[in-house]
Amino acid sequence: MGGAHGHQLHFHGHSPVHRAPAHLKIVALVVFMLVVVATPRGWWPAYAAYLAVLLAVVATSRVPPTYLLKRMVVEVPFVFFALLLPFVATGPETEFLGLTVSESGLHAGAKLLVTATLGVIASLTLAATTEPQALLRGLTRLRMPALLVQIMGFMVRYLEVVTDELRRMKVARESRGFSARDPRHWPVLARSFGALFIRSFERGERVHLAMLSRGYTGKMPS
């Protein structure tokens, strides 16, 4: 446990964006997302301006665009839901790319897709330009409840441990000839995730007991 943890998203650099105080970047992200969400649908010039601001920040941070693009896979569920909305929403219908879709669903899906894309880019830029510990200190400075900051700190620290545990379980399954090729194998994967949850829960209990034995009273040392 002596190695670094939670640095998979961080891109080391010395740009002005990297050097900016973490609490100011967090506030900027929150304000930016509130403005994006509050923008009425159909105001495409405004969304284009938001994207231009984001691209300017990314260019200033000197984070390679490909570095962010590879990590935007987290947006896939939002993309799927946005593409599904025009077909499941009700109301007046219209033609789009030769398909009959709901007009309200089409507009709602477009707004969701644009909003999610802007949010993911902004969040990834914050993560890429801010060390995890600096983020935690920034949240503390913004008066976030100490217990929530501690939970987030442990999540950052042990995420790599849990991920490595999952990787070892995958290697163990494959070494025994297992390959999840169809739904019949899903129960095996479900049992694996269940075992991972139990191991993670037990590890958390051991860590908590170790902290109590060392004098933990609900507040982490500086």
C-alpha atoms as a PDB file:
ATOM      1  CA  MET A   1       0.000   0.000   0.000  1.00  0.00           C
ATOM      2  CA  GLY A   2       2.958   2.262  -0.171  1.00  0.00           C
ATOM      3  CA  GLY A   3       2.568   3.162  -3.841  1.00  0.00           C
ATOM      4  CA  ALA A   4       0.626   5.985  -5.378  1.00  0.00           C
ATOM      5  CA  HIS A   5      -3.088   5.540  -5.847  1.00  0.00           C
ATOM      6  CA  GLY A   6      -5.801   7.174  -7.861  1.00  0.00           C
ATOM      7  CA  HIS A   7      -3.566   8.820 -10.472  1.00  0.00           C
ATOM      8  CA  GLN A   8      -5.005   7.107 -13.549  1.00  0.00           C
ATOM      9  CA  LEU A   9      -6.805  10.266 -14.678  1.00  0.00           C
ATOM     10  CA  HIS A  10      -4.169  12.808 -13.704  1.00  0.00           C
ATOM     11  CA  PHE A  11      -1.839  14.134 -16.412  1.00  0.00           C
ATOM     12  CA  HIS A  12       1.358  15.572 -14.970  1.00  0.00           C
ATOM     13  CA  GLY A  13       2.050  19.089 -16.135  1.00  0.00           C
ATOM     14  CA  HIS A  14       3.001  22.621 -15.130  1.00  0.00           C
ATOM     15  CA  SER A  15       0.459  24.691 -17.040  1.00  0.00           C
ATOM     16  CA  PRO A  16      -1.502  27.595 -15.490  1.00  0.00           C
ATOM     17  CA  VAL A  17      -4.503  25.262 -15.217  1.00  0.00           C
ATOM     18  CA  HIS A  18      -2.419  22.738 -13.261  1.00  0.00           C
ATOM     19  CA  ARG A  19      -1.146  25.447 -10.920  1.00  0.00           C
ATOM     20  CA  ALA A  20      -4.570  26.974 -10.243  1.00  0.00           C
ATOM     21  CA  PRO A  21      -5.934  26.321  -6.714  1.00  0.00           C
ATOM     22  CA  ALA A  22      -8.050  23.180  -6.576  1.00  0.00           C
ATOM     23  CA  HIS A  23     -10.978  24.808  -4.771  1.00  0.00           C
ATOM     24  CA  LEU A  24     -11.251  27.487  -7.463  1.00  0.00           C
ATOM     25  CA  LYS A  25     -11.299  24.833 -10.196  1.00  0.00           C
ATOM     26  CA  ILE A  26     -14.028  22.922  -8.364  1.00  0.00           C
ATOM     27  CA  VAL A  27     -16.146  26.070  -8.055  1.00  0.00           C
ATOM     28  CA  ALA A  28     -15.543  26.867 -11.734  1.00  0.00           C
ATOM     29  CA  LEU A  29     -16.666  23.361 -12.729  1.00  0.00           C
ATOM     30  CA  VAL A  30     -19.855  23.584 -10.650  1.00  0.00           C
ATOM     31  CA  VAL A  31     -20.732  27.049 -11.994  1.00  0.00           C
ATOM     32  CA  PHE A  32     -19.993  25.957 -15.562  1.00  0.00           C
ATOM     33  CA  MET A  33     -22.259  22.913 -15.287  1.00  0.00           C
ATOM     34  CA  LEU A  34     -25.067  24.940 -13.703  1.00  0.00           C
ATOM     35  CA  VAL A  35     -24.907  27.379 -16.610  1.00  0.00           C
ATOM     36  CA  VAL A  36     -24.880  24.542 -19.161  1.00  0.00           C
ATOM     37  CA  VAL A  37     -27.835  22.752 -17.567  1.00  0.00           C
ATOM     38  CA  ALA A  38     -29.807  25.998 -17.230  1.00  0.00           C
ATOM     39  CA  THR A  39     -29.348  26.860 -20.918  1.00  0.00           C
ATOM     40  CA  PRO A  40     -32.621  26.196 -22.784  1.00  0.00           C
ATOM     41  CA  ARG A  41     -32.543  23.541 -25.456  1.00  0.00           C
ATOM     42  CA  GLY A  42     -32.118  24.867 -28.950  1.00  0.00           C
ATOM     43  CA  TRP A  43     -29.642  27.561 -27.969  1.00  0.00           C
ATOM     44  CA  TRP A  44     -26.925  25.938 -30.072  1.00  0.00           C
ATOM     45  CA  PRO A  45     -24.729  29.075 -30.369  1.00  0.00           C
ATOM     46  CA  ALA A  46     -24.505  29.136 -26.567  1.00  0.00           C
ATOM     47  CA  TYR A  47     -23.491  25.468 -26.475  1.00  0.00           C
ATOM     48  CA  ALA A  48     -20.889  26.161 -29.166  1.00  0.00           C
ATOM     49  CA  ALA A  49     -19.512  28.976 -27.000  1.00  0.00           C
ATOM     50  CA  TYR A  50     -19.302  26.629 -23.991  1.00  0.00           C
ATOM     51  CA  LEU A  51     -17.416  24.091 -26.087  1.00  0.00           C
ATOM     52  CA  ALA A  52     -15.021  26.806 -27.298  1.00  0.00           C
ATOM     53  CA  VAL A  53     -14.309  27.800 -23.682  1.00  0.00           C
ATOM     54  CA  LEU A  54     -13.631  24.176 -22.764  1.00  0.00           C
ATOM     55  CA  LEU A  55     -11.303  23.666 -25.721  1.00  0.00           C
ATOM     56  CA  ALA A  56      -9.437  26.835 -24.767  1.00  0.00           C
ATOM     57  CA  VAL A  57      -8.955  25.516 -21.227  1.00  0.00           C
ATOM     58  CA  VAL A  58      -7.767  22.154 -22.558  1.00  0.00           C
ATOM     59  CA  ALA A  59      -5.321  23.893 -24.888  1.00  0.00           C
ATOM     60  CA  THR A  60      -4.022  26.013 -22.002  1.00  0.00           C
ATOM     61  CA  SER A  61      -3.606  22.926 -19.807  1.00  0.00           C
ATOM     62  CA  ARG A  62      -1.512  21.230 -22.545  1.00  0.00           C
ATOM     63  CA  VAL A  63      -3.330  17.949 -21.904  1.00  0.00           C
ATOM     64  CA  PRO A  64      -3.335  15.952 -25.181  1.00  0.00           C
ATOM     65  CA  PRO A  65      -6.881  15.738 -26.597  1.00  0.00           C
ATOM     66  CA  THR A  66      -6.384  12.012 -27.217  1.00  0.00           C
ATOM     67  CA  TYR A  67      -5.735  11.595 -23.478  1.00  0.00           C
ATOM     68  CA  LEU A  68      -9.232  12.913 -22.763  1.00  0.00           C
ATOM     69  CA  LEU A  69     -10.928  11.193 -25.695  1.00  0.00           C
ATOM     70  CA  LYS A  70      -9.819   7.730 -24.551  1.00  0.00           C
ATOM     71  CA  ARG A  71     -11.393   8.372 -21.149  1.00  0.00           C
ATOM     72  CA  MET A  72     -14.697   9.650 -22.506  1.00  0.00           C
ATOM     73  CA  VAL A  73     -15.952   6.077 -22.703  1.00  0.00           C
ATOM     74  CA  VAL A  74     -17.724   6.874 -19.414  1.00  0.00           C
ATOM     75  CA  GLU A  75     -20.239   8.820 -21.519  1.00  0.00           C
ATOM     76  CA  VAL A  76     -21.463   5.730 -23.390  1.00  0.00           C
ATOM     77  CA  PRO A  77     -24.588   5.173 -21.185  1.00  0.00           C
ATOM     78  CA  PHE A  78     -25.654   8.802 -21.739  1.00  0.00           C
ATOM     79  CA  VAL A  79     -25.141   8.447 -25.496  1.00  0.00           C
ATOM     80  CA  PHE A  80     -27.236   5.277 -25.559  1.00  0.00           C
ATOM     81  CA  PHE A  81     -30.057   6.922 -23.599  1.00  0.00           C
ATOM     82  CA  ALA A  82     -29.924  10.065 -25.757  1.00  0.00           C
ATOM     83  CA  LEU A  83     -30.203   7.976 -28.938  1.00  0.00           C
ATOM     84  CA  LEU A  84     -33.107   6.032 -27.435  1.00  0.00           C
ATOM     85  CA  LEU A  85     -35.160   9.061 -26.370  1.00  0.00           C
ATOM     86  CA  PRO A  86     -36.487  10.017 -29.849  1.00  0.00           C
ATOM     87  CA  PHE A  87     -37.963   6.530 -30.238  1.00  0.00           C
ATOM     88  CA  VAL A  88     -39.618   6.176 -26.820  1.00  0.00           C
ATOM     89  CA  ALA A  89     -40.844   9.733 -26.148  1.00  0.00           C
ATOM     90  CA  THR A  90     -44.400  10.730 -26.970  1.00  0.00           C
ATOM     91  CA  GLY A  91     -45.802  13.801 -28.699  1.00  0.00           C
ATOM     92  CA  PRO A  92     -45.697  15.174 -32.254  1.00  0.00           C
ATOM     93  CA  GLU A  93     -43.535  13.199 -34.655  1.00  0.00           C
ATOM     94  CA  THR A  94     -41.076  14.340 -37.295  1.00  0.00           C
ATOM     95  CA  GLU A  95     -38.779  12.870 -39.915  1.00  0.00           C
ATOM     96  CA  PHE A  96     -35.063  12.568 -39.084  1.00  0.00           C
ATOM     97  CA  LEU A  97     -32.585  10.685 -41.296  1.00  0.00           C
ATOM     98  CA  GLY A  98     -35.458   8.834 -42.895  1.00  0.00           C
ATOM     99  CA  LEU A  99     -36.915   7.735 -39.544  1.00  0.00           C
ATOM    100  CA  THR A 100     -40.114   8.824 -37.816  1.00  0.00           C
ATOM    101  CA  VAL A 101     -39.218   9.966 -34.315  1.00  0.00           C
ATOM    102  CA  SER A 102     -40.729  12.028 -31.526  1.00  0.00           C
ATOM    103  CA  GLU A 103     -39.938  15.714 -31.978  1.00  0.00           C
ATOM    104  CA  SER A 104     -39.760  16.387 -28.234  1.00  0.00           C
ATOM    105  CA  GLY A 105     -37.659  13.260 -27.729  1.00  0.00           C
ATOM    106  CA  LEU A 106     -35.281  14.358 -30.487  1.00  0.00           C
ATOM    107  CA  HIS A 107     -34.730  17.754 -28.868  1.00  0.00           C
ATOM    108  CA  ALA A 108     -34.406  16.251 -25.383  1.00  0.00           C
ATOM    109  CA  GLY A 109     -31.913  13.635 -26.624  1.00  0.00           C
ATOM    110  CA  ALA A 110     -29.838  16.290 -28.381  1.00  0.00           C
ATOM    111  CA  LYS A 111     -29.721  18.447 -25.232  1.00  0.00           C
ATOM    112  CA  LEU A 112     -28.815  15.440 -23.090  1.00  0.00           C
ATOM    113  CA  LEU A 113     -26.028  14.427 -25.461  1.00  0.00           C
ATOM    114  CA  VAL A 114     -24.566  17.940 -25.628  1.00  0.00           C
ATOM    115  CA  THR A 115     -24.862  18.511 -21.877  1.00  0.00           C
ATOM    116  CA  ALA A 116     -23.294  15.152 -21.034  1.00  0.00           C
ATOM    117  CA  THR A 117     -20.440  15.708 -23.477  1.00  0.00           C
ATOM    118  CA  LEU A 118     -19.642  19.142 -22.044  1.00  0.00           C
ATOM    119  CA  GLY A 119     -19.862  17.800 -18.496  1.00  0.00           C
ATOM    120  CA  VAL A 120     -17.596  14.834 -19.181  1.00  0.00           C
ATOM    121  CA  ILE A 121     -14.974  16.987 -20.919  1.00  0.00           C
ATOM    122  CA  ALA A 122     -15.028  19.525 -18.076  1.00  0.00           C
ATOM    123  CA  SER A 123     -14.801  16.822 -15.389  1.00  0.00           C
ATOM    124  CA  LEU A 124     -11.986  14.969 -17.146  1.00  0.00           C
ATOM    125  CA  THR A 125     -10.084  18.232 -17.565  1.00  0.00           C
ATOM    126  CA  LEU A 126     -10.396  18.901 -13.832  1.00  0.00           C
ATOM    127  CA  ALA A 127      -9.229  15.375 -12.993  1.00  0.00           C
ATOM    128  CA  ALA A 128      -6.361  15.555 -15.489  1.00  0.00           C
ATOM    129  CA  THR A 129      -5.034  18.843 -14.127  1.00  0.00           C
ATOM    130  CA  THR A 130      -5.520  18.296 -10.393  1.00  0.00           C
ATOM    131  CA  GLU A 131      -3.878  15.770  -8.083  1.00  0.00           C
ATOM    132  CA  PRO A 132      -6.405  13.655  -6.136  1.00  0.00           C
ATOM    133  CA  GLN A 133      -5.045  14.869  -2.800  1.00  0.00           C
ATOM    134  CA  ALA A 134      -5.290  18.466  -4.005  1.00  0.00           C
ATOM    135  CA  LEU A 135      -8.940  17.850  -4.889  1.00  0.00           C
ATOM    136  CA  LEU A 136      -9.605  16.557  -1.385  1.00  0.00           C
ATOM    137  CA  ARG A 137      -7.899  19.586   0.157  1.00  0.00           C
ATOM    138  CA  GLY A 138      -9.956  21.813  -2.123  1.00  0.00           C
ATOM    139  CA  LEU A 139     -13.192  20.163  -0.991  1.00  0.00           C
ATOM    140  CA  THR A 140     -12.122  20.604   2.621  1.00  0.00           C
ATOM    141  CA  ARG A 141     -11.430  24.282   1.976  1.00  0.00           C
ATOM    142  CA  LEU A 142     -14.919  24.601   0.486  1.00  0.00           C
ATOM    143  CA  ARG A 143     -16.330  23.329   3.788  1.00  0.00           C
ATOM    144  CA  MET A 144     -17.580  19.985   2.503  1.00  0.00           C
ATOM    145  CA  PRO A 145     -18.435  17.701   5.464  1.00  0.00           C
ATOM    146  CA  ALA A 146     -15.263  16.036   6.734  1.00  0.00           C
ATOM    147  CA  LEU A 147     -16.836  12.560   6.669  1.00  0.00           C
ATOM    148  CA  LEU A 148     -17.652  12.846   2.948  1.00  0.00           C
ATOM    149  CA  VAL A 149     -14.102  14.030   2.217  1.00  0.00           C
ATOM    150  CA  GLN A 150     -12.705  11.037   4.126  1.00  0.00           C
ATOM    151  CA  ILE A 151     -14.946   8.634   2.198  1.00  0.00           C
ATOM    152  CA  MET A 152     -13.792  10.145  -1.090  1.00  0.00           C
ATOM    153  CA  GLY A 153     -10.172   9.937   0.061  1.00  0.00           C
ATOM    154  CA  PHE A 154     -10.472   6.226   0.815  1.00  0.00           C
ATOM    155  CA  MET A 155     -12.246   5.680  -2.509  1.00  0.00           C
ATOM    156  CA  VAL A 156      -9.341   7.315  -4.340  1.00  0.00           C
ATOM    157  CA  ARG A 157      -6.777   5.374  -2.355  1.00  0.00           C
ATOM    158  CA  TYR A 158      -8.341   1.918  -2.618  1.00  0.00           C
ATOM    159  CA  LEU A 159      -9.881   2.103  -6.101  1.00  0.00           C
ATOM    160  CA  GLU A 160      -6.664   0.790  -7.599  1.00  0.00           C
ATOM    161  CA  VAL A 161      -6.551  -2.008  -5.010  1.00  0.00           C
ATOM    162  CA  VAL A 162     -10.087  -3.152  -5.859  1.00  0.00           C
ATOM    163  CA  THR A 163      -9.383  -2.862  -9.585  1.00  0.00           C
ATOM    164  CA  ASP A 164      -6.280  -4.994  -9.203  1.00  0.00           C
ATOM    165  CA  GLU A 165      -8.307  -7.568  -7.243  1.00  0.00           C
ATOM    166  CA  LEU A 166     -10.827  -7.691 -10.095  1.00  0.00           C
ATOM    167  CA  ARG A 167      -8.001  -8.156 -12.595  1.00  0.00           C
ATOM    168  CA  ARG A 168      -6.580 -11.102 -10.626  1.00  0.00           C
ATOM    169  CA  MET A 169     -10.012 -12.737 -10.480  1.00  0.00           C
ATOM    170  CA  LYS A 170     -10.324 -12.322 -14.253  1.00  0.00           C
ATOM    171  CA  VAL A 171      -6.913 -13.924 -14.806  1.00  0.00           C
ATOM    172  CA  ALA A 172      -7.870 -16.799 -12.483  1.00  0.00           C
ATOM    173  CA  ARG A 173     -11.088 -17.454 -14.435  1.00  0.00           C
ATOM    174  CA  GLU A 174      -9.351 -17.334 -17.799  1.00  0.00           C
ATOM    175  CA  SER A 175      -6.556 -19.641 -16.589  1.00  0.00           C
ATOM    176  CA  ARG A 176      -9.264 -22.234 -15.948  1.00  0.00           C
ATOM    177  CA  GLY A 177     -10.648 -21.880 -19.466  1.00  0.00           C
ATOM    178  CA  PHE A 178     -13.558 -19.576 -18.665  1.00  0.00           C
ATOM    179  CA  SER A 179     -14.671 -17.048 -21.272  1.00  0.00           C
ATOM    180  CA  ALA A 180     -17.870 -14.988 -20.984  1.00  0.00           C
ATOM    181  CA  ARG A 181     -19.201 -15.381 -24.525  1.00  0.00           C
ATOM    182  CA  ASP A 182     -22.978 -15.533 -23.991  1.00  0.00           C
ATOM    183  CA  PRO A 183     -25.622 -14.875 -21.305  1.00  0.00           C
ATOM    184  CA  ARG A 184     -25.216 -18.399 -19.903  1.00  0.00           C
ATOM    185  CA  HIS A 185     -21.944 -17.257 -18.349  1.00  0.00           C
ATOM    186  CA  TRP A 186     -23.434 -14.202 -16.640  1.00  0.00           C
ATOM    187  CA  PRO A 187     -24.156 -16.071 -13.347  1.00  0.00           C
ATOM    188  CA  VAL A 188     -20.431 -16.788 -13.022  1.00  0.00           C
ATOM    189  CA  LEU A 189     -19.638 -13.101 -13.492  1.00  0.00           C
ATOM    190  CA  ALA A 190     -22.335 -12.170 -10.964  1.00  0.00           C
ATOM    191  CA  ARG A 191     -20.799 -14.497  -8.364  1.00  0.00           C
ATOM    192  CA  SER A 192     -17.382 -12.980  -9.076  1.00  0.00           C
ATOM    193  CA  PHE A 193     -18.689  -9.447  -8.468  1.00  0.00           C
ATOM    194  CA  GLY A 194     -20.399 -10.683  -5.313  1.00  0.00           C
ATOM    195  CA  ALA A 195     -17.142 -12.138  -4.047  1.00  0.00           C
ATOM    196  CA  LEU A 196     -15.355  -8.896  -4.906  1.00  0.00           C
ATOM    197  CA  PHE A 197     -17.924  -6.902  -2.930  1.00  0.00           C
ATOM    198  CA  ILE A 198     -17.510  -9.148   0.117  1.00  0.00           C
ATOM    199  CA  ARG A 199     -13.713  -8.918  -0.039  1.00  0.00           C
ATOM    200  CA  SER A 200     -13.866  -5.138  -0.375  1.00  0.00           C
ATOM    201  CA  PHE A 201     -16.310  -4.864   2.531  1.00  0.00           C
ATOM    202  CA  GLU A 202     -14.130  -7.056   4.742  1.00  0.00           C
ATOM    203  CA  ARG A 203     -11.039  -5.020   3.784  1.00  0.00           C
ATOM    204  CA  GLY A 204     -12.886  -1.851   4.741  1.00  0.00           C
ATOM    205  CA  GLU A 205     -13.765  -3.362   8.134  1.00  0.00           C
ATOM    206  CA  ARG A 206     -10.132  -4.304   8.758  1.00  0.00           C
ATOM    207  CA  VAL A 207      -8.916  -0.831   7.769  1.00  0.00           C
ATOM    208  CA  HIS A 208     -11.485   0.789  10.059  1.00  0.00           C
ATOM    209  CA  LEU A 209     -10.453  -1.388  13.007  1.00  0.00           C
ATOM    210  CA  ALA A 210      -6.803  -0.602  12.308  1.00  0.00           C
ATOM    211  CA  MET A 211      -7.613   3.118  12.313  1.00  0.00           C
ATOM    212  CA  LEU A 212      -9.495   2.840  15.632  1.00  0.00           C
ATOM    213  CA  SER A 213      -6.588   0.965  17.201  1.00  0.00           C
ATOM    214  CA  ARG A 214      -4.336   3.881  16.215  1.00  0.00           C
ATOM    215  CA  GLY A 215      -6.514   6.502  17.847  1.00  0.00           C
ATOM    216  CA  TYR A 216      -8.908   7.500  15.062  1.00  0.00           C
ATOM    217  CA  THR A 217     -11.696   9.688  16.466  1.00  0.00           C
ATOM    218  CA  GLY A 218     -13.530  10.704  13.301  1.00  0.00           C
ATOM    219  CA  LYS A 219     -11.032  13.275  12.047  1.00  0.00           C
ATOM    220  CA  MET A 220      -8.071  12.549   9.828  1.00  0.00           C
ATOM    221  CA  PRO A 221      -4.716  14.165  10.648  1.00  0.00           C
ATOM    222  CA  SER A 222      -3.532  16.947   8.342  1.00  0.00           C
END
